[in-house]
């Protein structure tokens, strides 16, 4: 009887495993087709002088050219500057908005979260068209009208190397932070009320509660948003492509845009594959450093 029951359980377990693999098969096939295969193929192409018919192996030449390229170095520098100016500000703004939303009633919280998240579902092209109107260099441009109140002359925001990067950064500051806000609100709701009650008994002020309760409790969330924010910022493409095209004088050429131009403008697919893998390596190193030094006392 015991052996029969054991055999029955084994058959049921095998059946459950089969159903489990059947349910994830679609996702696995999609991952293999649209993620794993392109990455492996890009790795192979990065060692070739790629041609649609008859690619030739050129060893590490594509990687050597990438590291020698002044334009690639400038693109890395532009991307680093963009990341340093956008990611911390995005975290601070998202955290501040989440804190302001928290005291509101449930329906008000939901309303504000929907309002802040709405730009995330809008077309990036449509948003870029709106920002092109805002940055219009003519006197009718919204931003130029605003600064004219303070007696400042019209600026060619996107057409000058002095203001083009600031324009993209400014656009990022005022763009959608809805996802980060929602994540922060969810994390704030997960903090145990007993912490606040104990702080109230001790007579802690608002800022003391923020420093000793909220910020430590939100450290895992902040680390997650920091890592994903840096990864997304290093892969930025749409803003530079639609707003400036990388100009003027490559002042807004990001790595993602450079890879796109190398592949689909100059048709150097091997070099583009090498650049993309170097970018992936840089992102991986930065993520490792973030987890190594900022995630020491983080509990997941």
C-alpha atoms as a PDB file:
ATOM      1  CA  UNK A   1       0.000   0.000   0.000  1.00  0.00           C
ATOM      2  CA  UNK A   2       2.814   2.417   0.885  1.00  0.00           C
ATOM      3  CA  UNK A   3       4.566   1.680  -2.421  1.00  0.00           C
ATOM      4  CA  UNK A   4       1.332   2.265  -4.340  1.00  0.00           C
ATOM      5  CA  UNK A   5       0.740   5.598  -2.600  1.00  0.00           C
ATOM      6  CA  UNK A   6       4.343   6.648  -3.319  1.00  0.00           C
ATOM      7  CA  UNK A   7       3.983   5.748  -7.008  1.00  0.00           C
ATOM      8  CA  UNK A   8       0.750   7.735  -7.175  1.00  0.00           C
ATOM      9  CA  UNK A   9       2.391  10.781  -5.647  1.00  0.00           C
ATOM     10  CA  UNK A  10       5.298  10.515  -8.100  1.00  0.00           C
ATOM     11  CA  UNK A  11       2.895  10.373 -11.051  1.00  0.00           C
ATOM     12  CA  UNK A  12       1.024  13.408  -9.714  1.00  0.00           C
ATOM     13  CA  UNK A  13       4.280  15.303  -9.218  1.00  0.00           C
ATOM     14  CA  UNK A  14       5.380  14.485 -12.778  1.00  0.00           C
ATOM     15  CA  UNK A  15       2.004  15.661 -14.018  1.00  0.00           C
ATOM     16  CA  UNK A  16       2.286  18.911 -12.075  1.00  0.00           C
ATOM     17  CA  UNK A  17       5.791  19.474 -13.409  1.00  0.00           C
ATOM     18  CA  UNK A  18       4.600  18.872 -16.975  1.00  0.00           C
ATOM     19  CA  UNK A  19       1.804  21.424 -16.558  1.00  0.00           C
ATOM     20  CA  UNK A  20       4.212  23.905 -14.988  1.00  0.00           C
ATOM     21  CA  UNK A  21       6.594  23.648 -17.954  1.00  0.00           C
ATOM     22  CA  UNK A  22       3.649  23.901 -20.345  1.00  0.00           C
ATOM     23  CA  UNK A  23       2.516  27.164 -18.755  1.00  0.00           C
ATOM     24  CA  UNK A  24       5.974  28.760 -18.910  1.00  0.00           C
ATOM     25  CA  UNK A  25       6.794  27.380 -22.355  1.00  0.00           C
ATOM     26  CA  UNK A  26       5.394  30.447 -24.140  1.00  0.00           C
ATOM     27  CA  UNK A  27       7.463  32.812 -22.003  1.00  0.00           C
ATOM     28  CA  UNK A  28      10.577  30.657 -22.431  1.00  0.00           C
ATOM     29  CA  UNK A  29      10.122  30.531 -26.197  1.00  0.00           C
ATOM     30  CA  UNK A  30       9.660  34.295 -26.312  1.00  0.00           C
ATOM     31  CA  UNK A  31      12.777  34.807 -24.183  1.00  0.00           C
ATOM     32  CA  UNK A  32      14.822  32.424 -26.325  1.00  0.00           C
ATOM     33  CA  UNK A  33      13.641  33.988 -29.589  1.00  0.00           C
ATOM     34  CA  UNK A  34      13.694  37.690 -28.727  1.00  0.00           C
ATOM     35  CA  UNK A  35      16.383  37.917 -26.008  1.00  0.00           C
ATOM     36  CA  UNK A  36      18.780  34.976 -25.845  1.00  0.00           C
ATOM     37  CA  UNK A  37      19.174  34.484 -29.604  1.00  0.00           C
ATOM     38  CA  UNK A  38      19.811  38.194 -30.389  1.00  0.00           C
ATOM     39  CA  UNK A  39      22.393  38.426 -27.595  1.00  0.00           C
ATOM     40  CA  UNK A  40      24.242  35.306 -28.763  1.00  0.00           C
ATOM     41  CA  UNK A  41      24.050  36.456 -32.375  1.00  0.00           C
ATOM     42  CA  UNK A  42      25.327  39.923 -31.447  1.00  0.00           C
ATOM     43  CA  UNK A  43      28.274  38.304 -29.640  1.00  0.00           C
ATOM     44  CA  UNK A  44      29.149  36.325 -32.778  1.00  0.00           C
ATOM     45  CA  UNK A  45      28.696  39.328 -35.088  1.00  0.00           C
ATOM     46  CA  UNK A  46      30.954  41.472 -32.896  1.00  0.00           C
ATOM     47  CA  UNK A  47      33.915  39.374 -34.110  1.00  0.00           C
ATOM     48  CA  UNK A  48      32.994  39.769 -37.760  1.00  0.00           C
ATOM     49  CA  UNK A  49      32.931  42.304 -40.528  1.00  0.00           C
ATOM     50  CA  UNK A  50      29.282  41.635 -41.024  1.00  0.00           C
ATOM     51  CA  UNK A  51      27.749  41.408 -44.475  1.00  0.00           C
ATOM     52  CA  UNK A  52      24.334  39.983 -45.383  1.00  0.00           C
ATOM     53  CA  UNK A  53      26.101  37.516 -47.666  1.00  0.00           C
ATOM     54  CA  UNK A  54      29.483  36.262 -46.562  1.00  0.00           C
ATOM     55  CA  UNK A  55      30.639  37.844 -43.289  1.00  0.00           C
ATOM     56  CA  UNK A  56      34.357  37.630 -42.551  1.00  0.00           C
ATOM     57  CA  UNK A  57      36.009  37.031 -39.192  1.00  0.00           C
ATOM     58  CA  UNK A  58      38.121  39.973 -38.030  1.00  0.00           C
ATOM     59  CA  UNK A  59      38.930  38.976 -34.457  1.00  0.00           C
ATOM     60  CA  UNK A  60      38.982  41.795 -31.929  1.00  0.00           C
ATOM     61  CA  UNK A  61      39.185  44.593 -34.506  1.00  0.00           C
ATOM     62  CA  UNK A  62      35.679  45.844 -33.749  1.00  0.00           C
ATOM     63  CA  UNK A  63      36.452  46.059 -30.036  1.00  0.00           C
ATOM     64  CA  UNK A  64      39.798  47.762 -30.709  1.00  0.00           C
ATOM     65  CA  UNK A  65      38.098  50.328 -32.941  1.00  0.00           C
ATOM     66  CA  UNK A  66      35.443  50.903 -30.268  1.00  0.00           C
ATOM     67  CA  UNK A  67      37.981  51.697 -27.553  1.00  0.00           C
ATOM     68  CA  UNK A  68      40.028  53.864 -29.933  1.00  0.00           C
ATOM     69  CA  UNK A  69      36.996  55.847 -31.109  1.00  0.00           C
ATOM     70  CA  UNK A  70      36.865  59.393 -29.732  1.00  0.00           C
ATOM     71  CA  UNK A  71      33.166  59.534 -30.563  1.00  0.00           C
ATOM     72  CA  UNK A  72      32.459  56.429 -28.468  1.00  0.00           C
ATOM     73  CA  UNK A  73      34.348  57.983 -25.548  1.00  0.00           C
ATOM     74  CA  UNK A  74      32.372  61.199 -25.936  1.00  0.00           C
ATOM     75  CA  UNK A  75      29.129  59.229 -26.083  1.00  0.00           C
ATOM     76  CA  UNK A  76      30.072  57.425 -22.857  1.00  0.00           C
ATOM     77  CA  UNK A  77      30.868  60.761 -21.208  1.00  0.00           C
ATOM     78  CA  UNK A  78      27.573  62.296 -22.391  1.00  0.00           C
ATOM     79  CA  UNK A  79      25.690  59.292 -21.051  1.00  0.00           C
ATOM     80  CA  UNK A  80      27.466  59.476 -17.683  1.00  0.00           C
ATOM     81  CA  UNK A  81      26.706  63.200 -17.376  1.00  0.00           C
ATOM     82  CA  UNK A  82      23.075  62.616 -18.328  1.00  0.00           C
ATOM     83  CA  UNK A  83      22.805  59.806 -15.767  1.00  0.00           C
ATOM     84  CA  UNK A  84      24.368  61.809 -12.940  1.00  0.00           C
ATOM     85  CA  UNK A  85      22.049  64.743 -13.602  1.00  0.00           C
ATOM     86  CA  UNK A  86      18.815  62.801 -14.057  1.00  0.00           C
ATOM     87  CA  UNK A  87      18.728  59.668 -11.884  1.00  0.00           C
ATOM     88  CA  UNK A  88      19.320  61.287  -8.445  1.00  0.00           C
ATOM     89  CA  UNK A  89      16.844  64.081  -9.202  1.00  0.00           C
ATOM     90  CA  UNK A  90      14.275  61.533 -10.381  1.00  0.00           C
ATOM     91  CA  UNK A  91      14.628  59.590  -7.122  1.00  0.00           C
ATOM     92  CA  UNK A  92      14.307  62.733  -4.990  1.00  0.00           C
ATOM     93  CA  UNK A  93      11.263  64.002  -6.892  1.00  0.00           C
ATOM     94  CA  UNK A  94       9.547  60.611  -6.814  1.00  0.00           C
ATOM     95  CA  UNK A  95      10.207  60.220  -3.102  1.00  0.00           C
ATOM     96  CA  UNK A  96       8.969  63.758  -2.341  1.00  0.00           C
ATOM     97  CA  UNK A  97       5.757  63.276  -4.322  1.00  0.00           C
ATOM     98  CA  UNK A  98       5.142  59.891  -2.660  1.00  0.00           C
ATOM     99  CA  UNK A  99       5.553  61.493   0.786  1.00  0.00           C
ATOM    100  CA  UNK A 100       3.058  64.223  -0.128  1.00  0.00           C
ATOM    101  CA  UNK A 101       0.563  61.675  -1.426  1.00  0.00           C
ATOM    102  CA  UNK A 102       0.674  59.486   1.682  1.00  0.00           C
ATOM    103  CA  UNK A 103      -1.432  61.662   4.066  1.00  0.00           C
ATOM    104  CA  UNK A 104      -4.284  61.856   1.526  1.00  0.00           C
ATOM    105  CA  UNK A 105      -7.366  59.680   1.589  1.00  0.00           C
ATOM    106  CA  UNK A 106      -7.430  56.467  -0.385  1.00  0.00           C
ATOM    107  CA  UNK A 107      -9.379  57.877  -3.348  1.00  0.00           C
ATOM    108  CA  UNK A 108      -7.106  60.919  -3.515  1.00  0.00           C
ATOM    109  CA  UNK A 109      -4.002  58.715  -3.463  1.00  0.00           C
ATOM    110  CA  UNK A 110      -5.384  56.652  -6.332  1.00  0.00           C
ATOM    111  CA  UNK A 111      -6.257  59.784  -8.297  1.00  0.00           C
ATOM    112  CA  UNK A 112      -2.810  61.333  -7.945  1.00  0.00           C
ATOM    113  CA  UNK A 113      -1.047  58.066  -8.726  1.00  0.00           C
ATOM    114  CA  UNK A 114      -3.111  57.764 -11.913  1.00  0.00           C
ATOM    115  CA  UNK A 115      -2.329  61.360 -12.880  1.00  0.00           C
ATOM    116  CA  UNK A 116       1.412  60.944 -12.347  1.00  0.00           C
ATOM    117  CA  UNK A 117       1.476  57.576 -14.117  1.00  0.00           C
ATOM    118  CA  UNK A 118      -0.540  58.758 -17.132  1.00  0.00           C
ATOM    119  CA  UNK A 119       2.483  60.094 -19.108  1.00  0.00           C
ATOM    120  CA  UNK A 120       4.086  56.646 -18.850  1.00  0.00           C
ATOM    121  CA  UNK A 121       1.379  55.166 -21.094  1.00  0.00           C
ATOM    122  CA  UNK A 122       1.493  58.053 -23.579  1.00  0.00           C
ATOM    123  CA  UNK A 123       3.433  57.788 -26.823  1.00  0.00           C
ATOM    124  CA  UNK A 124       7.036  58.852 -26.473  1.00  0.00           C
ATOM    125  CA  UNK A 125       6.890  60.412 -29.926  1.00  0.00           C
ATOM    126  CA  UNK A 126       3.862  62.510 -28.953  1.00  0.00           C
ATOM    127  CA  UNK A 127       5.586  63.682 -25.773  1.00  0.00           C
ATOM    128  CA  UNK A 128       8.694  64.589 -27.756  1.00  0.00           C
ATOM    129  CA  UNK A 129       6.576  66.675 -30.149  1.00  0.00           C
ATOM    130  CA  UNK A 130       5.187  68.569 -27.161  1.00  0.00           C
ATOM    131  CA  UNK A 131       8.697  69.182 -25.831  1.00  0.00           C
ATOM    132  CA  UNK A 132       9.870  70.336 -29.259  1.00  0.00           C
ATOM    133  CA  UNK A 133       7.113  72.935 -29.065  1.00  0.00           C
ATOM    134  CA  UNK A 134       8.265  73.937 -25.575  1.00  0.00           C
ATOM    135  CA  UNK A 135      11.892  74.251 -26.747  1.00  0.00           C
ATOM    136  CA  UNK A 136      10.967  76.104 -29.936  1.00  0.00           C
ATOM    137  CA  UNK A 137      13.870  78.535 -30.544  1.00  0.00           C
ATOM    138  CA  UNK A 138      11.533  81.211 -31.895  1.00  0.00           C
ATOM    139  CA  UNK A 139       9.961  83.834 -29.710  1.00  0.00           C
ATOM    140  CA  UNK A 140       6.723  81.835 -29.653  1.00  0.00           C
ATOM    141  CA  UNK A 141       8.350  78.913 -27.861  1.00  0.00           C
ATOM    142  CA  UNK A 142       6.859  78.359 -24.421  1.00  0.00           C
ATOM    143  CA  UNK A 143      10.185  78.270 -22.599  1.00  0.00           C
ATOM    144  CA  UNK A 144      11.433  81.357 -24.420  1.00  0.00           C
ATOM    145  CA  UNK A 145       8.221  83.174 -23.535  1.00  0.00           C
ATOM    146  CA  UNK A 146       8.773  82.227 -19.909  1.00  0.00           C
ATOM    147  CA  UNK A 147      12.363  83.454 -19.705  1.00  0.00           C
ATOM    148  CA  UNK A 148      11.474  86.647 -21.575  1.00  0.00           C
ATOM    149  CA  UNK A 149       9.535  87.692 -18.479  1.00  0.00           C
ATOM    150  CA  UNK A 150      12.889  87.886 -16.695  1.00  0.00           C
ATOM    151  CA  UNK A 151      14.497  89.831 -19.543  1.00  0.00           C
ATOM    152  CA  UNK A 152      16.472  86.888 -20.933  1.00  0.00           C
ATOM    153  CA  UNK A 153      16.920  86.682 -24.693  1.00  0.00           C
ATOM    154  CA  UNK A 154      15.605  83.812 -26.792  1.00  0.00           C
ATOM    155  CA  UNK A 155      17.673  80.647 -26.590  1.00  0.00           C
ATOM    156  CA  UNK A 156      18.196  77.980 -29.231  1.00  0.00           C
ATOM    157  CA  UNK A 157      17.718  75.277 -26.637  1.00  0.00           C
ATOM    158  CA  UNK A 158      18.249  72.220 -28.821  1.00  0.00           C
ATOM    159  CA  UNK A 159      20.439  73.823 -31.485  1.00  0.00           C
ATOM    160  CA  UNK A 160      23.266  75.050 -29.252  1.00  0.00           C
ATOM    161  CA  UNK A 161      25.918  72.807 -27.719  1.00  0.00           C
ATOM    162  CA  UNK A 162      25.751  74.986 -24.587  1.00  0.00           C
ATOM    163  CA  UNK A 163      22.085  74.221 -23.846  1.00  0.00           C
ATOM    164  CA  UNK A 164      21.256  70.999 -25.702  1.00  0.00           C
ATOM    165  CA  UNK A 165      22.287  68.628 -22.912  1.00  0.00           C
ATOM    166  CA  UNK A 166      20.570  70.772 -20.290  1.00  0.00           C
ATOM    167  CA  UNK A 167      17.417  70.674 -22.412  1.00  0.00           C
ATOM    168  CA  UNK A 168      17.370  66.867 -22.422  1.00  0.00           C
ATOM    169  CA  UNK A 169      18.081  66.786 -18.694  1.00  0.00           C
ATOM    170  CA  UNK A 170      15.344  69.335 -18.009  1.00  0.00           C
ATOM    171  CA  UNK A 171      12.958  67.252 -20.094  1.00  0.00           C
ATOM    172  CA  UNK A 172      13.822  64.201 -17.998  1.00  0.00           C
ATOM    173  CA  UNK A 173      13.287  66.108 -14.743  1.00  0.00           C
ATOM    174  CA  UNK A 174       9.746  67.045 -15.722  1.00  0.00           C
ATOM    175  CA  UNK A 175       8.878  63.808 -17.499  1.00  0.00           C
ATOM    176  CA  UNK A 176       7.012  60.883 -16.066  1.00  0.00           C
ATOM    177  CA  UNK A 177       8.131  59.570 -12.690  1.00  0.00           C
ATOM    178  CA  UNK A 178       4.877  57.685 -12.228  1.00  0.00           C
ATOM    179  CA  UNK A 179       6.363  54.212 -11.897  1.00  0.00           C
ATOM    180  CA  UNK A 180       8.842  55.285  -9.215  1.00  0.00           C
ATOM    181  CA  UNK A 181       6.131  57.200  -7.350  1.00  0.00           C
ATOM    182  CA  UNK A 182       3.826  54.181  -7.265  1.00  0.00           C
ATOM    183  CA  UNK A 183       6.663  51.925  -6.067  1.00  0.00           C
ATOM    184  CA  UNK A 184       7.610  54.395  -3.335  1.00  0.00           C
ATOM    185  CA  UNK A 185       3.975  54.728  -2.205  1.00  0.00           C
ATOM    186  CA  UNK A 186       3.663  50.947  -2.008  1.00  0.00           C
ATOM    187  CA  UNK A 187       6.872  50.755   0.028  1.00  0.00           C
ATOM    188  CA  UNK A 188       5.678  53.514   2.375  1.00  0.00           C
ATOM    189  CA  UNK A 189       2.432  51.661   2.947  1.00  0.00           C
ATOM    190  CA  UNK A 190       4.463  48.585   3.886  1.00  0.00           C
ATOM    191  CA  UNK A 191       6.206  50.266   6.823  1.00  0.00           C
ATOM    192  CA  UNK A 192       4.858  48.982  10.147  1.00  0.00           C
ATOM    193  CA  UNK A 193       2.757  51.589  11.954  1.00  0.00           C
ATOM    194  CA  UNK A 194       4.314  50.546  15.271  1.00  0.00           C
ATOM    195  CA  UNK A 195       7.519  52.336  14.252  1.00  0.00           C
ATOM    196  CA  UNK A 196       5.656  55.635  13.964  1.00  0.00           C
ATOM    197  CA  UNK A 197       3.791  55.013  17.218  1.00  0.00           C
ATOM    198  CA  UNK A 198       7.045  54.400  19.087  1.00  0.00           C
ATOM    199  CA  UNK A 199       8.525  57.537  17.525  1.00  0.00           C
ATOM    200  CA  UNK A 200       5.480  59.585  18.588  1.00  0.00           C
ATOM    201  CA  UNK A 201       5.864  58.340  22.169  1.00  0.00           C
ATOM    202  CA  UNK A 202       9.494  59.471  22.119  1.00  0.00           C
ATOM    203  CA  UNK A 203       8.461  62.860  20.749  1.00  0.00           C
ATOM    204  CA  UNK A 204      10.230  62.468  17.400  1.00  0.00           C
ATOM    205  CA  UNK A 205       9.733  65.217  14.844  1.00  0.00           C
ATOM    206  CA  UNK A 206       8.714  64.707  11.220  1.00  0.00           C
ATOM    207  CA  UNK A 207      12.302  64.923  10.003  1.00  0.00           C
ATOM    208  CA  UNK A 208      13.516  62.538  12.687  1.00  0.00           C
ATOM    209  CA  UNK A 209      10.910  60.006  11.568  1.00  0.00           C
ATOM    210  CA  UNK A 210      12.038  60.477   7.983  1.00  0.00           C
ATOM    211  CA  UNK A 211      15.712  59.994   8.811  1.00  0.00           C
ATOM    212  CA  UNK A 212      15.453  57.138  11.312  1.00  0.00           C
ATOM    213  CA  UNK A 213      12.381  55.244  10.044  1.00  0.00           C
ATOM    214  CA  UNK A 214      11.335  56.027   6.490  1.00  0.00           C
ATOM    215  CA  UNK A 215      14.698  56.276   4.743  1.00  0.00           C
ATOM    216  CA  UNK A 216      16.175  53.081   6.301  1.00  0.00           C
ATOM    217  CA  UNK A 217      12.981  51.126   5.612  1.00  0.00           C
ATOM    218  CA  UNK A 218      12.943  52.315   2.000  1.00  0.00           C
ATOM    219  CA  UNK A 219      16.584  51.484   1.345  1.00  0.00           C
ATOM    220  CA  UNK A 220      15.802  48.278  -0.635  1.00  0.00           C
ATOM    221  CA  UNK A 221      13.272  50.194  -2.742  1.00  0.00           C
ATOM    222  CA  UNK A 222      15.689  53.064  -3.317  1.00  0.00           C
ATOM    223  CA  UNK A 223      18.461  50.666  -4.313  1.00  0.00           C
ATOM    224  CA  UNK A 224      16.129  48.934  -6.769  1.00  0.00           C
ATOM    225  CA  UNK A 225      15.043  52.228  -8.330  1.00  0.00           C
ATOM    226  CA  UNK A 226      18.639  53.467  -8.414  1.00  0.00           C
ATOM    227  CA  UNK A 227      19.917  50.379 -10.219  1.00  0.00           C
ATOM    228  CA  UNK A 228      17.044  50.260 -12.714  1.00  0.00           C
ATOM    229  CA  UNK A 229      17.258  54.034 -13.193  1.00  0.00           C
ATOM    230  CA  UNK A 230      20.962  53.900 -14.033  1.00  0.00           C
ATOM    231  CA  UNK A 231      20.401  50.983 -16.407  1.00  0.00           C
ATOM    232  CA  UNK A 232      17.577  52.834 -18.151  1.00  0.00           C
ATOM    233  CA  UNK A 233      19.596  56.058 -18.314  1.00  0.00           C
ATOM    234  CA  UNK A 234      22.590  54.323 -19.886  1.00  0.00           C
ATOM    235  CA  UNK A 235      20.267  52.894 -22.520  1.00  0.00           C
ATOM    236  CA  UNK A 236      18.568  56.209 -23.284  1.00  0.00           C
ATOM    237  CA  UNK A 237      17.880  56.573 -26.979  1.00  0.00           C
ATOM    238  CA  UNK A 238      14.474  58.024 -27.726  1.00  0.00           C
ATOM    239  CA  UNK A 239      14.998  61.498 -26.253  1.00  0.00           C
ATOM    240  CA  UNK A 240      18.298  62.130 -28.018  1.00  0.00           C
ATOM    241  CA  UNK A 241      17.103  60.632 -31.303  1.00  0.00           C
ATOM    242  CA  UNK A 242      13.840  62.562 -31.523  1.00  0.00           C
ATOM    243  CA  UNK A 243      14.904  65.836 -29.900  1.00  0.00           C
ATOM    244  CA  UNK A 244      18.429  66.524 -31.167  1.00  0.00           C
ATOM    245  CA  UNK A 245      19.599  63.583 -33.274  1.00  0.00           C
ATOM    246  CA  UNK A 246      22.775  63.614 -31.197  1.00  0.00           C
ATOM    247  CA  UNK A 247      23.762  67.146 -32.143  1.00  0.00           C
ATOM    248  CA  UNK A 248      24.892  69.757 -32.224  1.00  0.00           C
ATOM    249  CA  UNK A 249      28.534  68.697 -32.540  1.00  0.00           C
ATOM    250  CA  UNK A 250      27.654  65.360 -30.895  1.00  0.00           C
ATOM    251  CA  UNK A 251      26.952  67.168 -27.627  1.00  0.00           C
ATOM    252  CA  UNK A 252      23.929  64.932 -26.979  1.00  0.00           C
ATOM    253  CA  UNK A 253      25.131  61.733 -28.641  1.00  0.00           C
ATOM    254  CA  UNK A 254      24.384  58.970 -26.159  1.00  0.00           C
ATOM    255  CA  UNK A 255      25.763  55.450 -26.421  1.00  0.00           C
ATOM    256  CA  UNK A 256      22.399  54.006 -27.453  1.00  0.00           C
ATOM    257  CA  UNK A 257      22.071  56.546 -30.255  1.00  0.00           C
ATOM    258  CA  UNK A 258      25.658  55.945 -31.382  1.00  0.00           C
ATOM    259  CA  UNK A 259      25.010  52.185 -31.593  1.00  0.00           C
ATOM    260  CA  UNK A 260      21.853  52.846 -33.624  1.00  0.00           C
ATOM    261  CA  UNK A 261      23.690  55.167 -36.034  1.00  0.00           C
ATOM    262  CA  UNK A 262      26.601  52.756 -36.394  1.00  0.00           C
ATOM    263  CA  UNK A 263      24.270  49.909 -37.307  1.00  0.00           C
ATOM    264  CA  UNK A 264      21.498  51.522 -39.325  1.00  0.00           C
ATOM    265  CA  UNK A 265      23.124  54.686 -40.654  1.00  0.00           C
ATOM    266  CA  UNK A 266      26.615  53.451 -41.468  1.00  0.00           C
ATOM    267  CA  UNK A 267      25.667  49.736 -41.699  1.00  0.00           C
ATOM    268  CA  UNK A 268      28.630  48.635 -39.591  1.00  0.00           C
ATOM    269  CA  UNK A 269      26.790  45.914 -37.751  1.00  0.00           C
ATOM    270  CA  UNK A 270      29.889  44.241 -36.346  1.00  0.00           C
ATOM    271  CA  UNK A 271      31.081  47.488 -34.773  1.00  0.00           C
ATOM    272  CA  UNK A 272      27.584  48.201 -33.452  1.00  0.00           C
ATOM    273  CA  UNK A 273      27.434  44.734 -31.863  1.00  0.00           C
ATOM    274  CA  UNK A 274      30.821  45.313 -30.208  1.00  0.00           C
ATOM    275  CA  UNK A 275      29.686  48.698 -28.898  1.00  0.00           C
ATOM    276  CA  UNK A 276      26.489  47.209 -27.496  1.00  0.00           C
ATOM    277  CA  UNK A 277      28.363  44.457 -25.672  1.00  0.00           C
ATOM    278  CA  UNK A 278      30.838  46.968 -24.241  1.00  0.00           C
ATOM    279  CA  UNK A 279      27.853  49.008 -23.043  1.00  0.00           C
ATOM    280  CA  UNK A 280      26.318  45.888 -21.475  1.00  0.00           C
ATOM    281  CA  UNK A 281      29.618  45.199 -19.688  1.00  0.00           C
ATOM    282  CA  UNK A 282      29.771  48.784 -18.368  1.00  0.00           C
ATOM    283  CA  UNK A 283      26.190  48.576 -17.107  1.00  0.00           C
ATOM    284  CA  UNK A 284      26.921  45.235 -15.446  1.00  0.00           C
ATOM    285  CA  UNK A 285      30.006  46.627 -13.682  1.00  0.00           C
ATOM    286  CA  UNK A 286      28.098  49.677 -12.433  1.00  0.00           C
ATOM    287  CA  UNK A 287      25.229  47.506 -11.187  1.00  0.00           C
ATOM    288  CA  UNK A 288      27.697  45.233  -9.384  1.00  0.00           C
ATOM    289  CA  UNK A 289      29.349  48.233  -7.717  1.00  0.00           C
ATOM    290  CA  UNK A 290      25.964  49.568  -6.625  1.00  0.00           C
ATOM    291  CA  UNK A 291      24.956  46.267  -5.052  1.00  0.00           C
ATOM    292  CA  UNK A 292      28.427  45.800  -3.538  1.00  0.00           C
ATOM    293  CA  UNK A 293      28.635  49.140  -1.729  1.00  0.00           C
ATOM    294  CA  UNK A 294      24.996  50.213  -1.330  1.00  0.00           C
ATOM    295  CA  UNK A 295      23.396  46.830  -0.695  1.00  0.00           C
ATOM    296  CA  UNK A 296      25.519  45.592   2.194  1.00  0.00           C
ATOM    297  CA  UNK A 297      22.814  45.974   4.864  1.00  0.00           C
ATOM    298  CA  UNK A 298      19.801  45.696   2.557  1.00  0.00           C
ATOM    299  CA  UNK A 299      17.345  42.904   3.288  1.00  0.00           C
ATOM    300  CA  UNK A 300      15.192  41.645   0.427  1.00  0.00           C
END
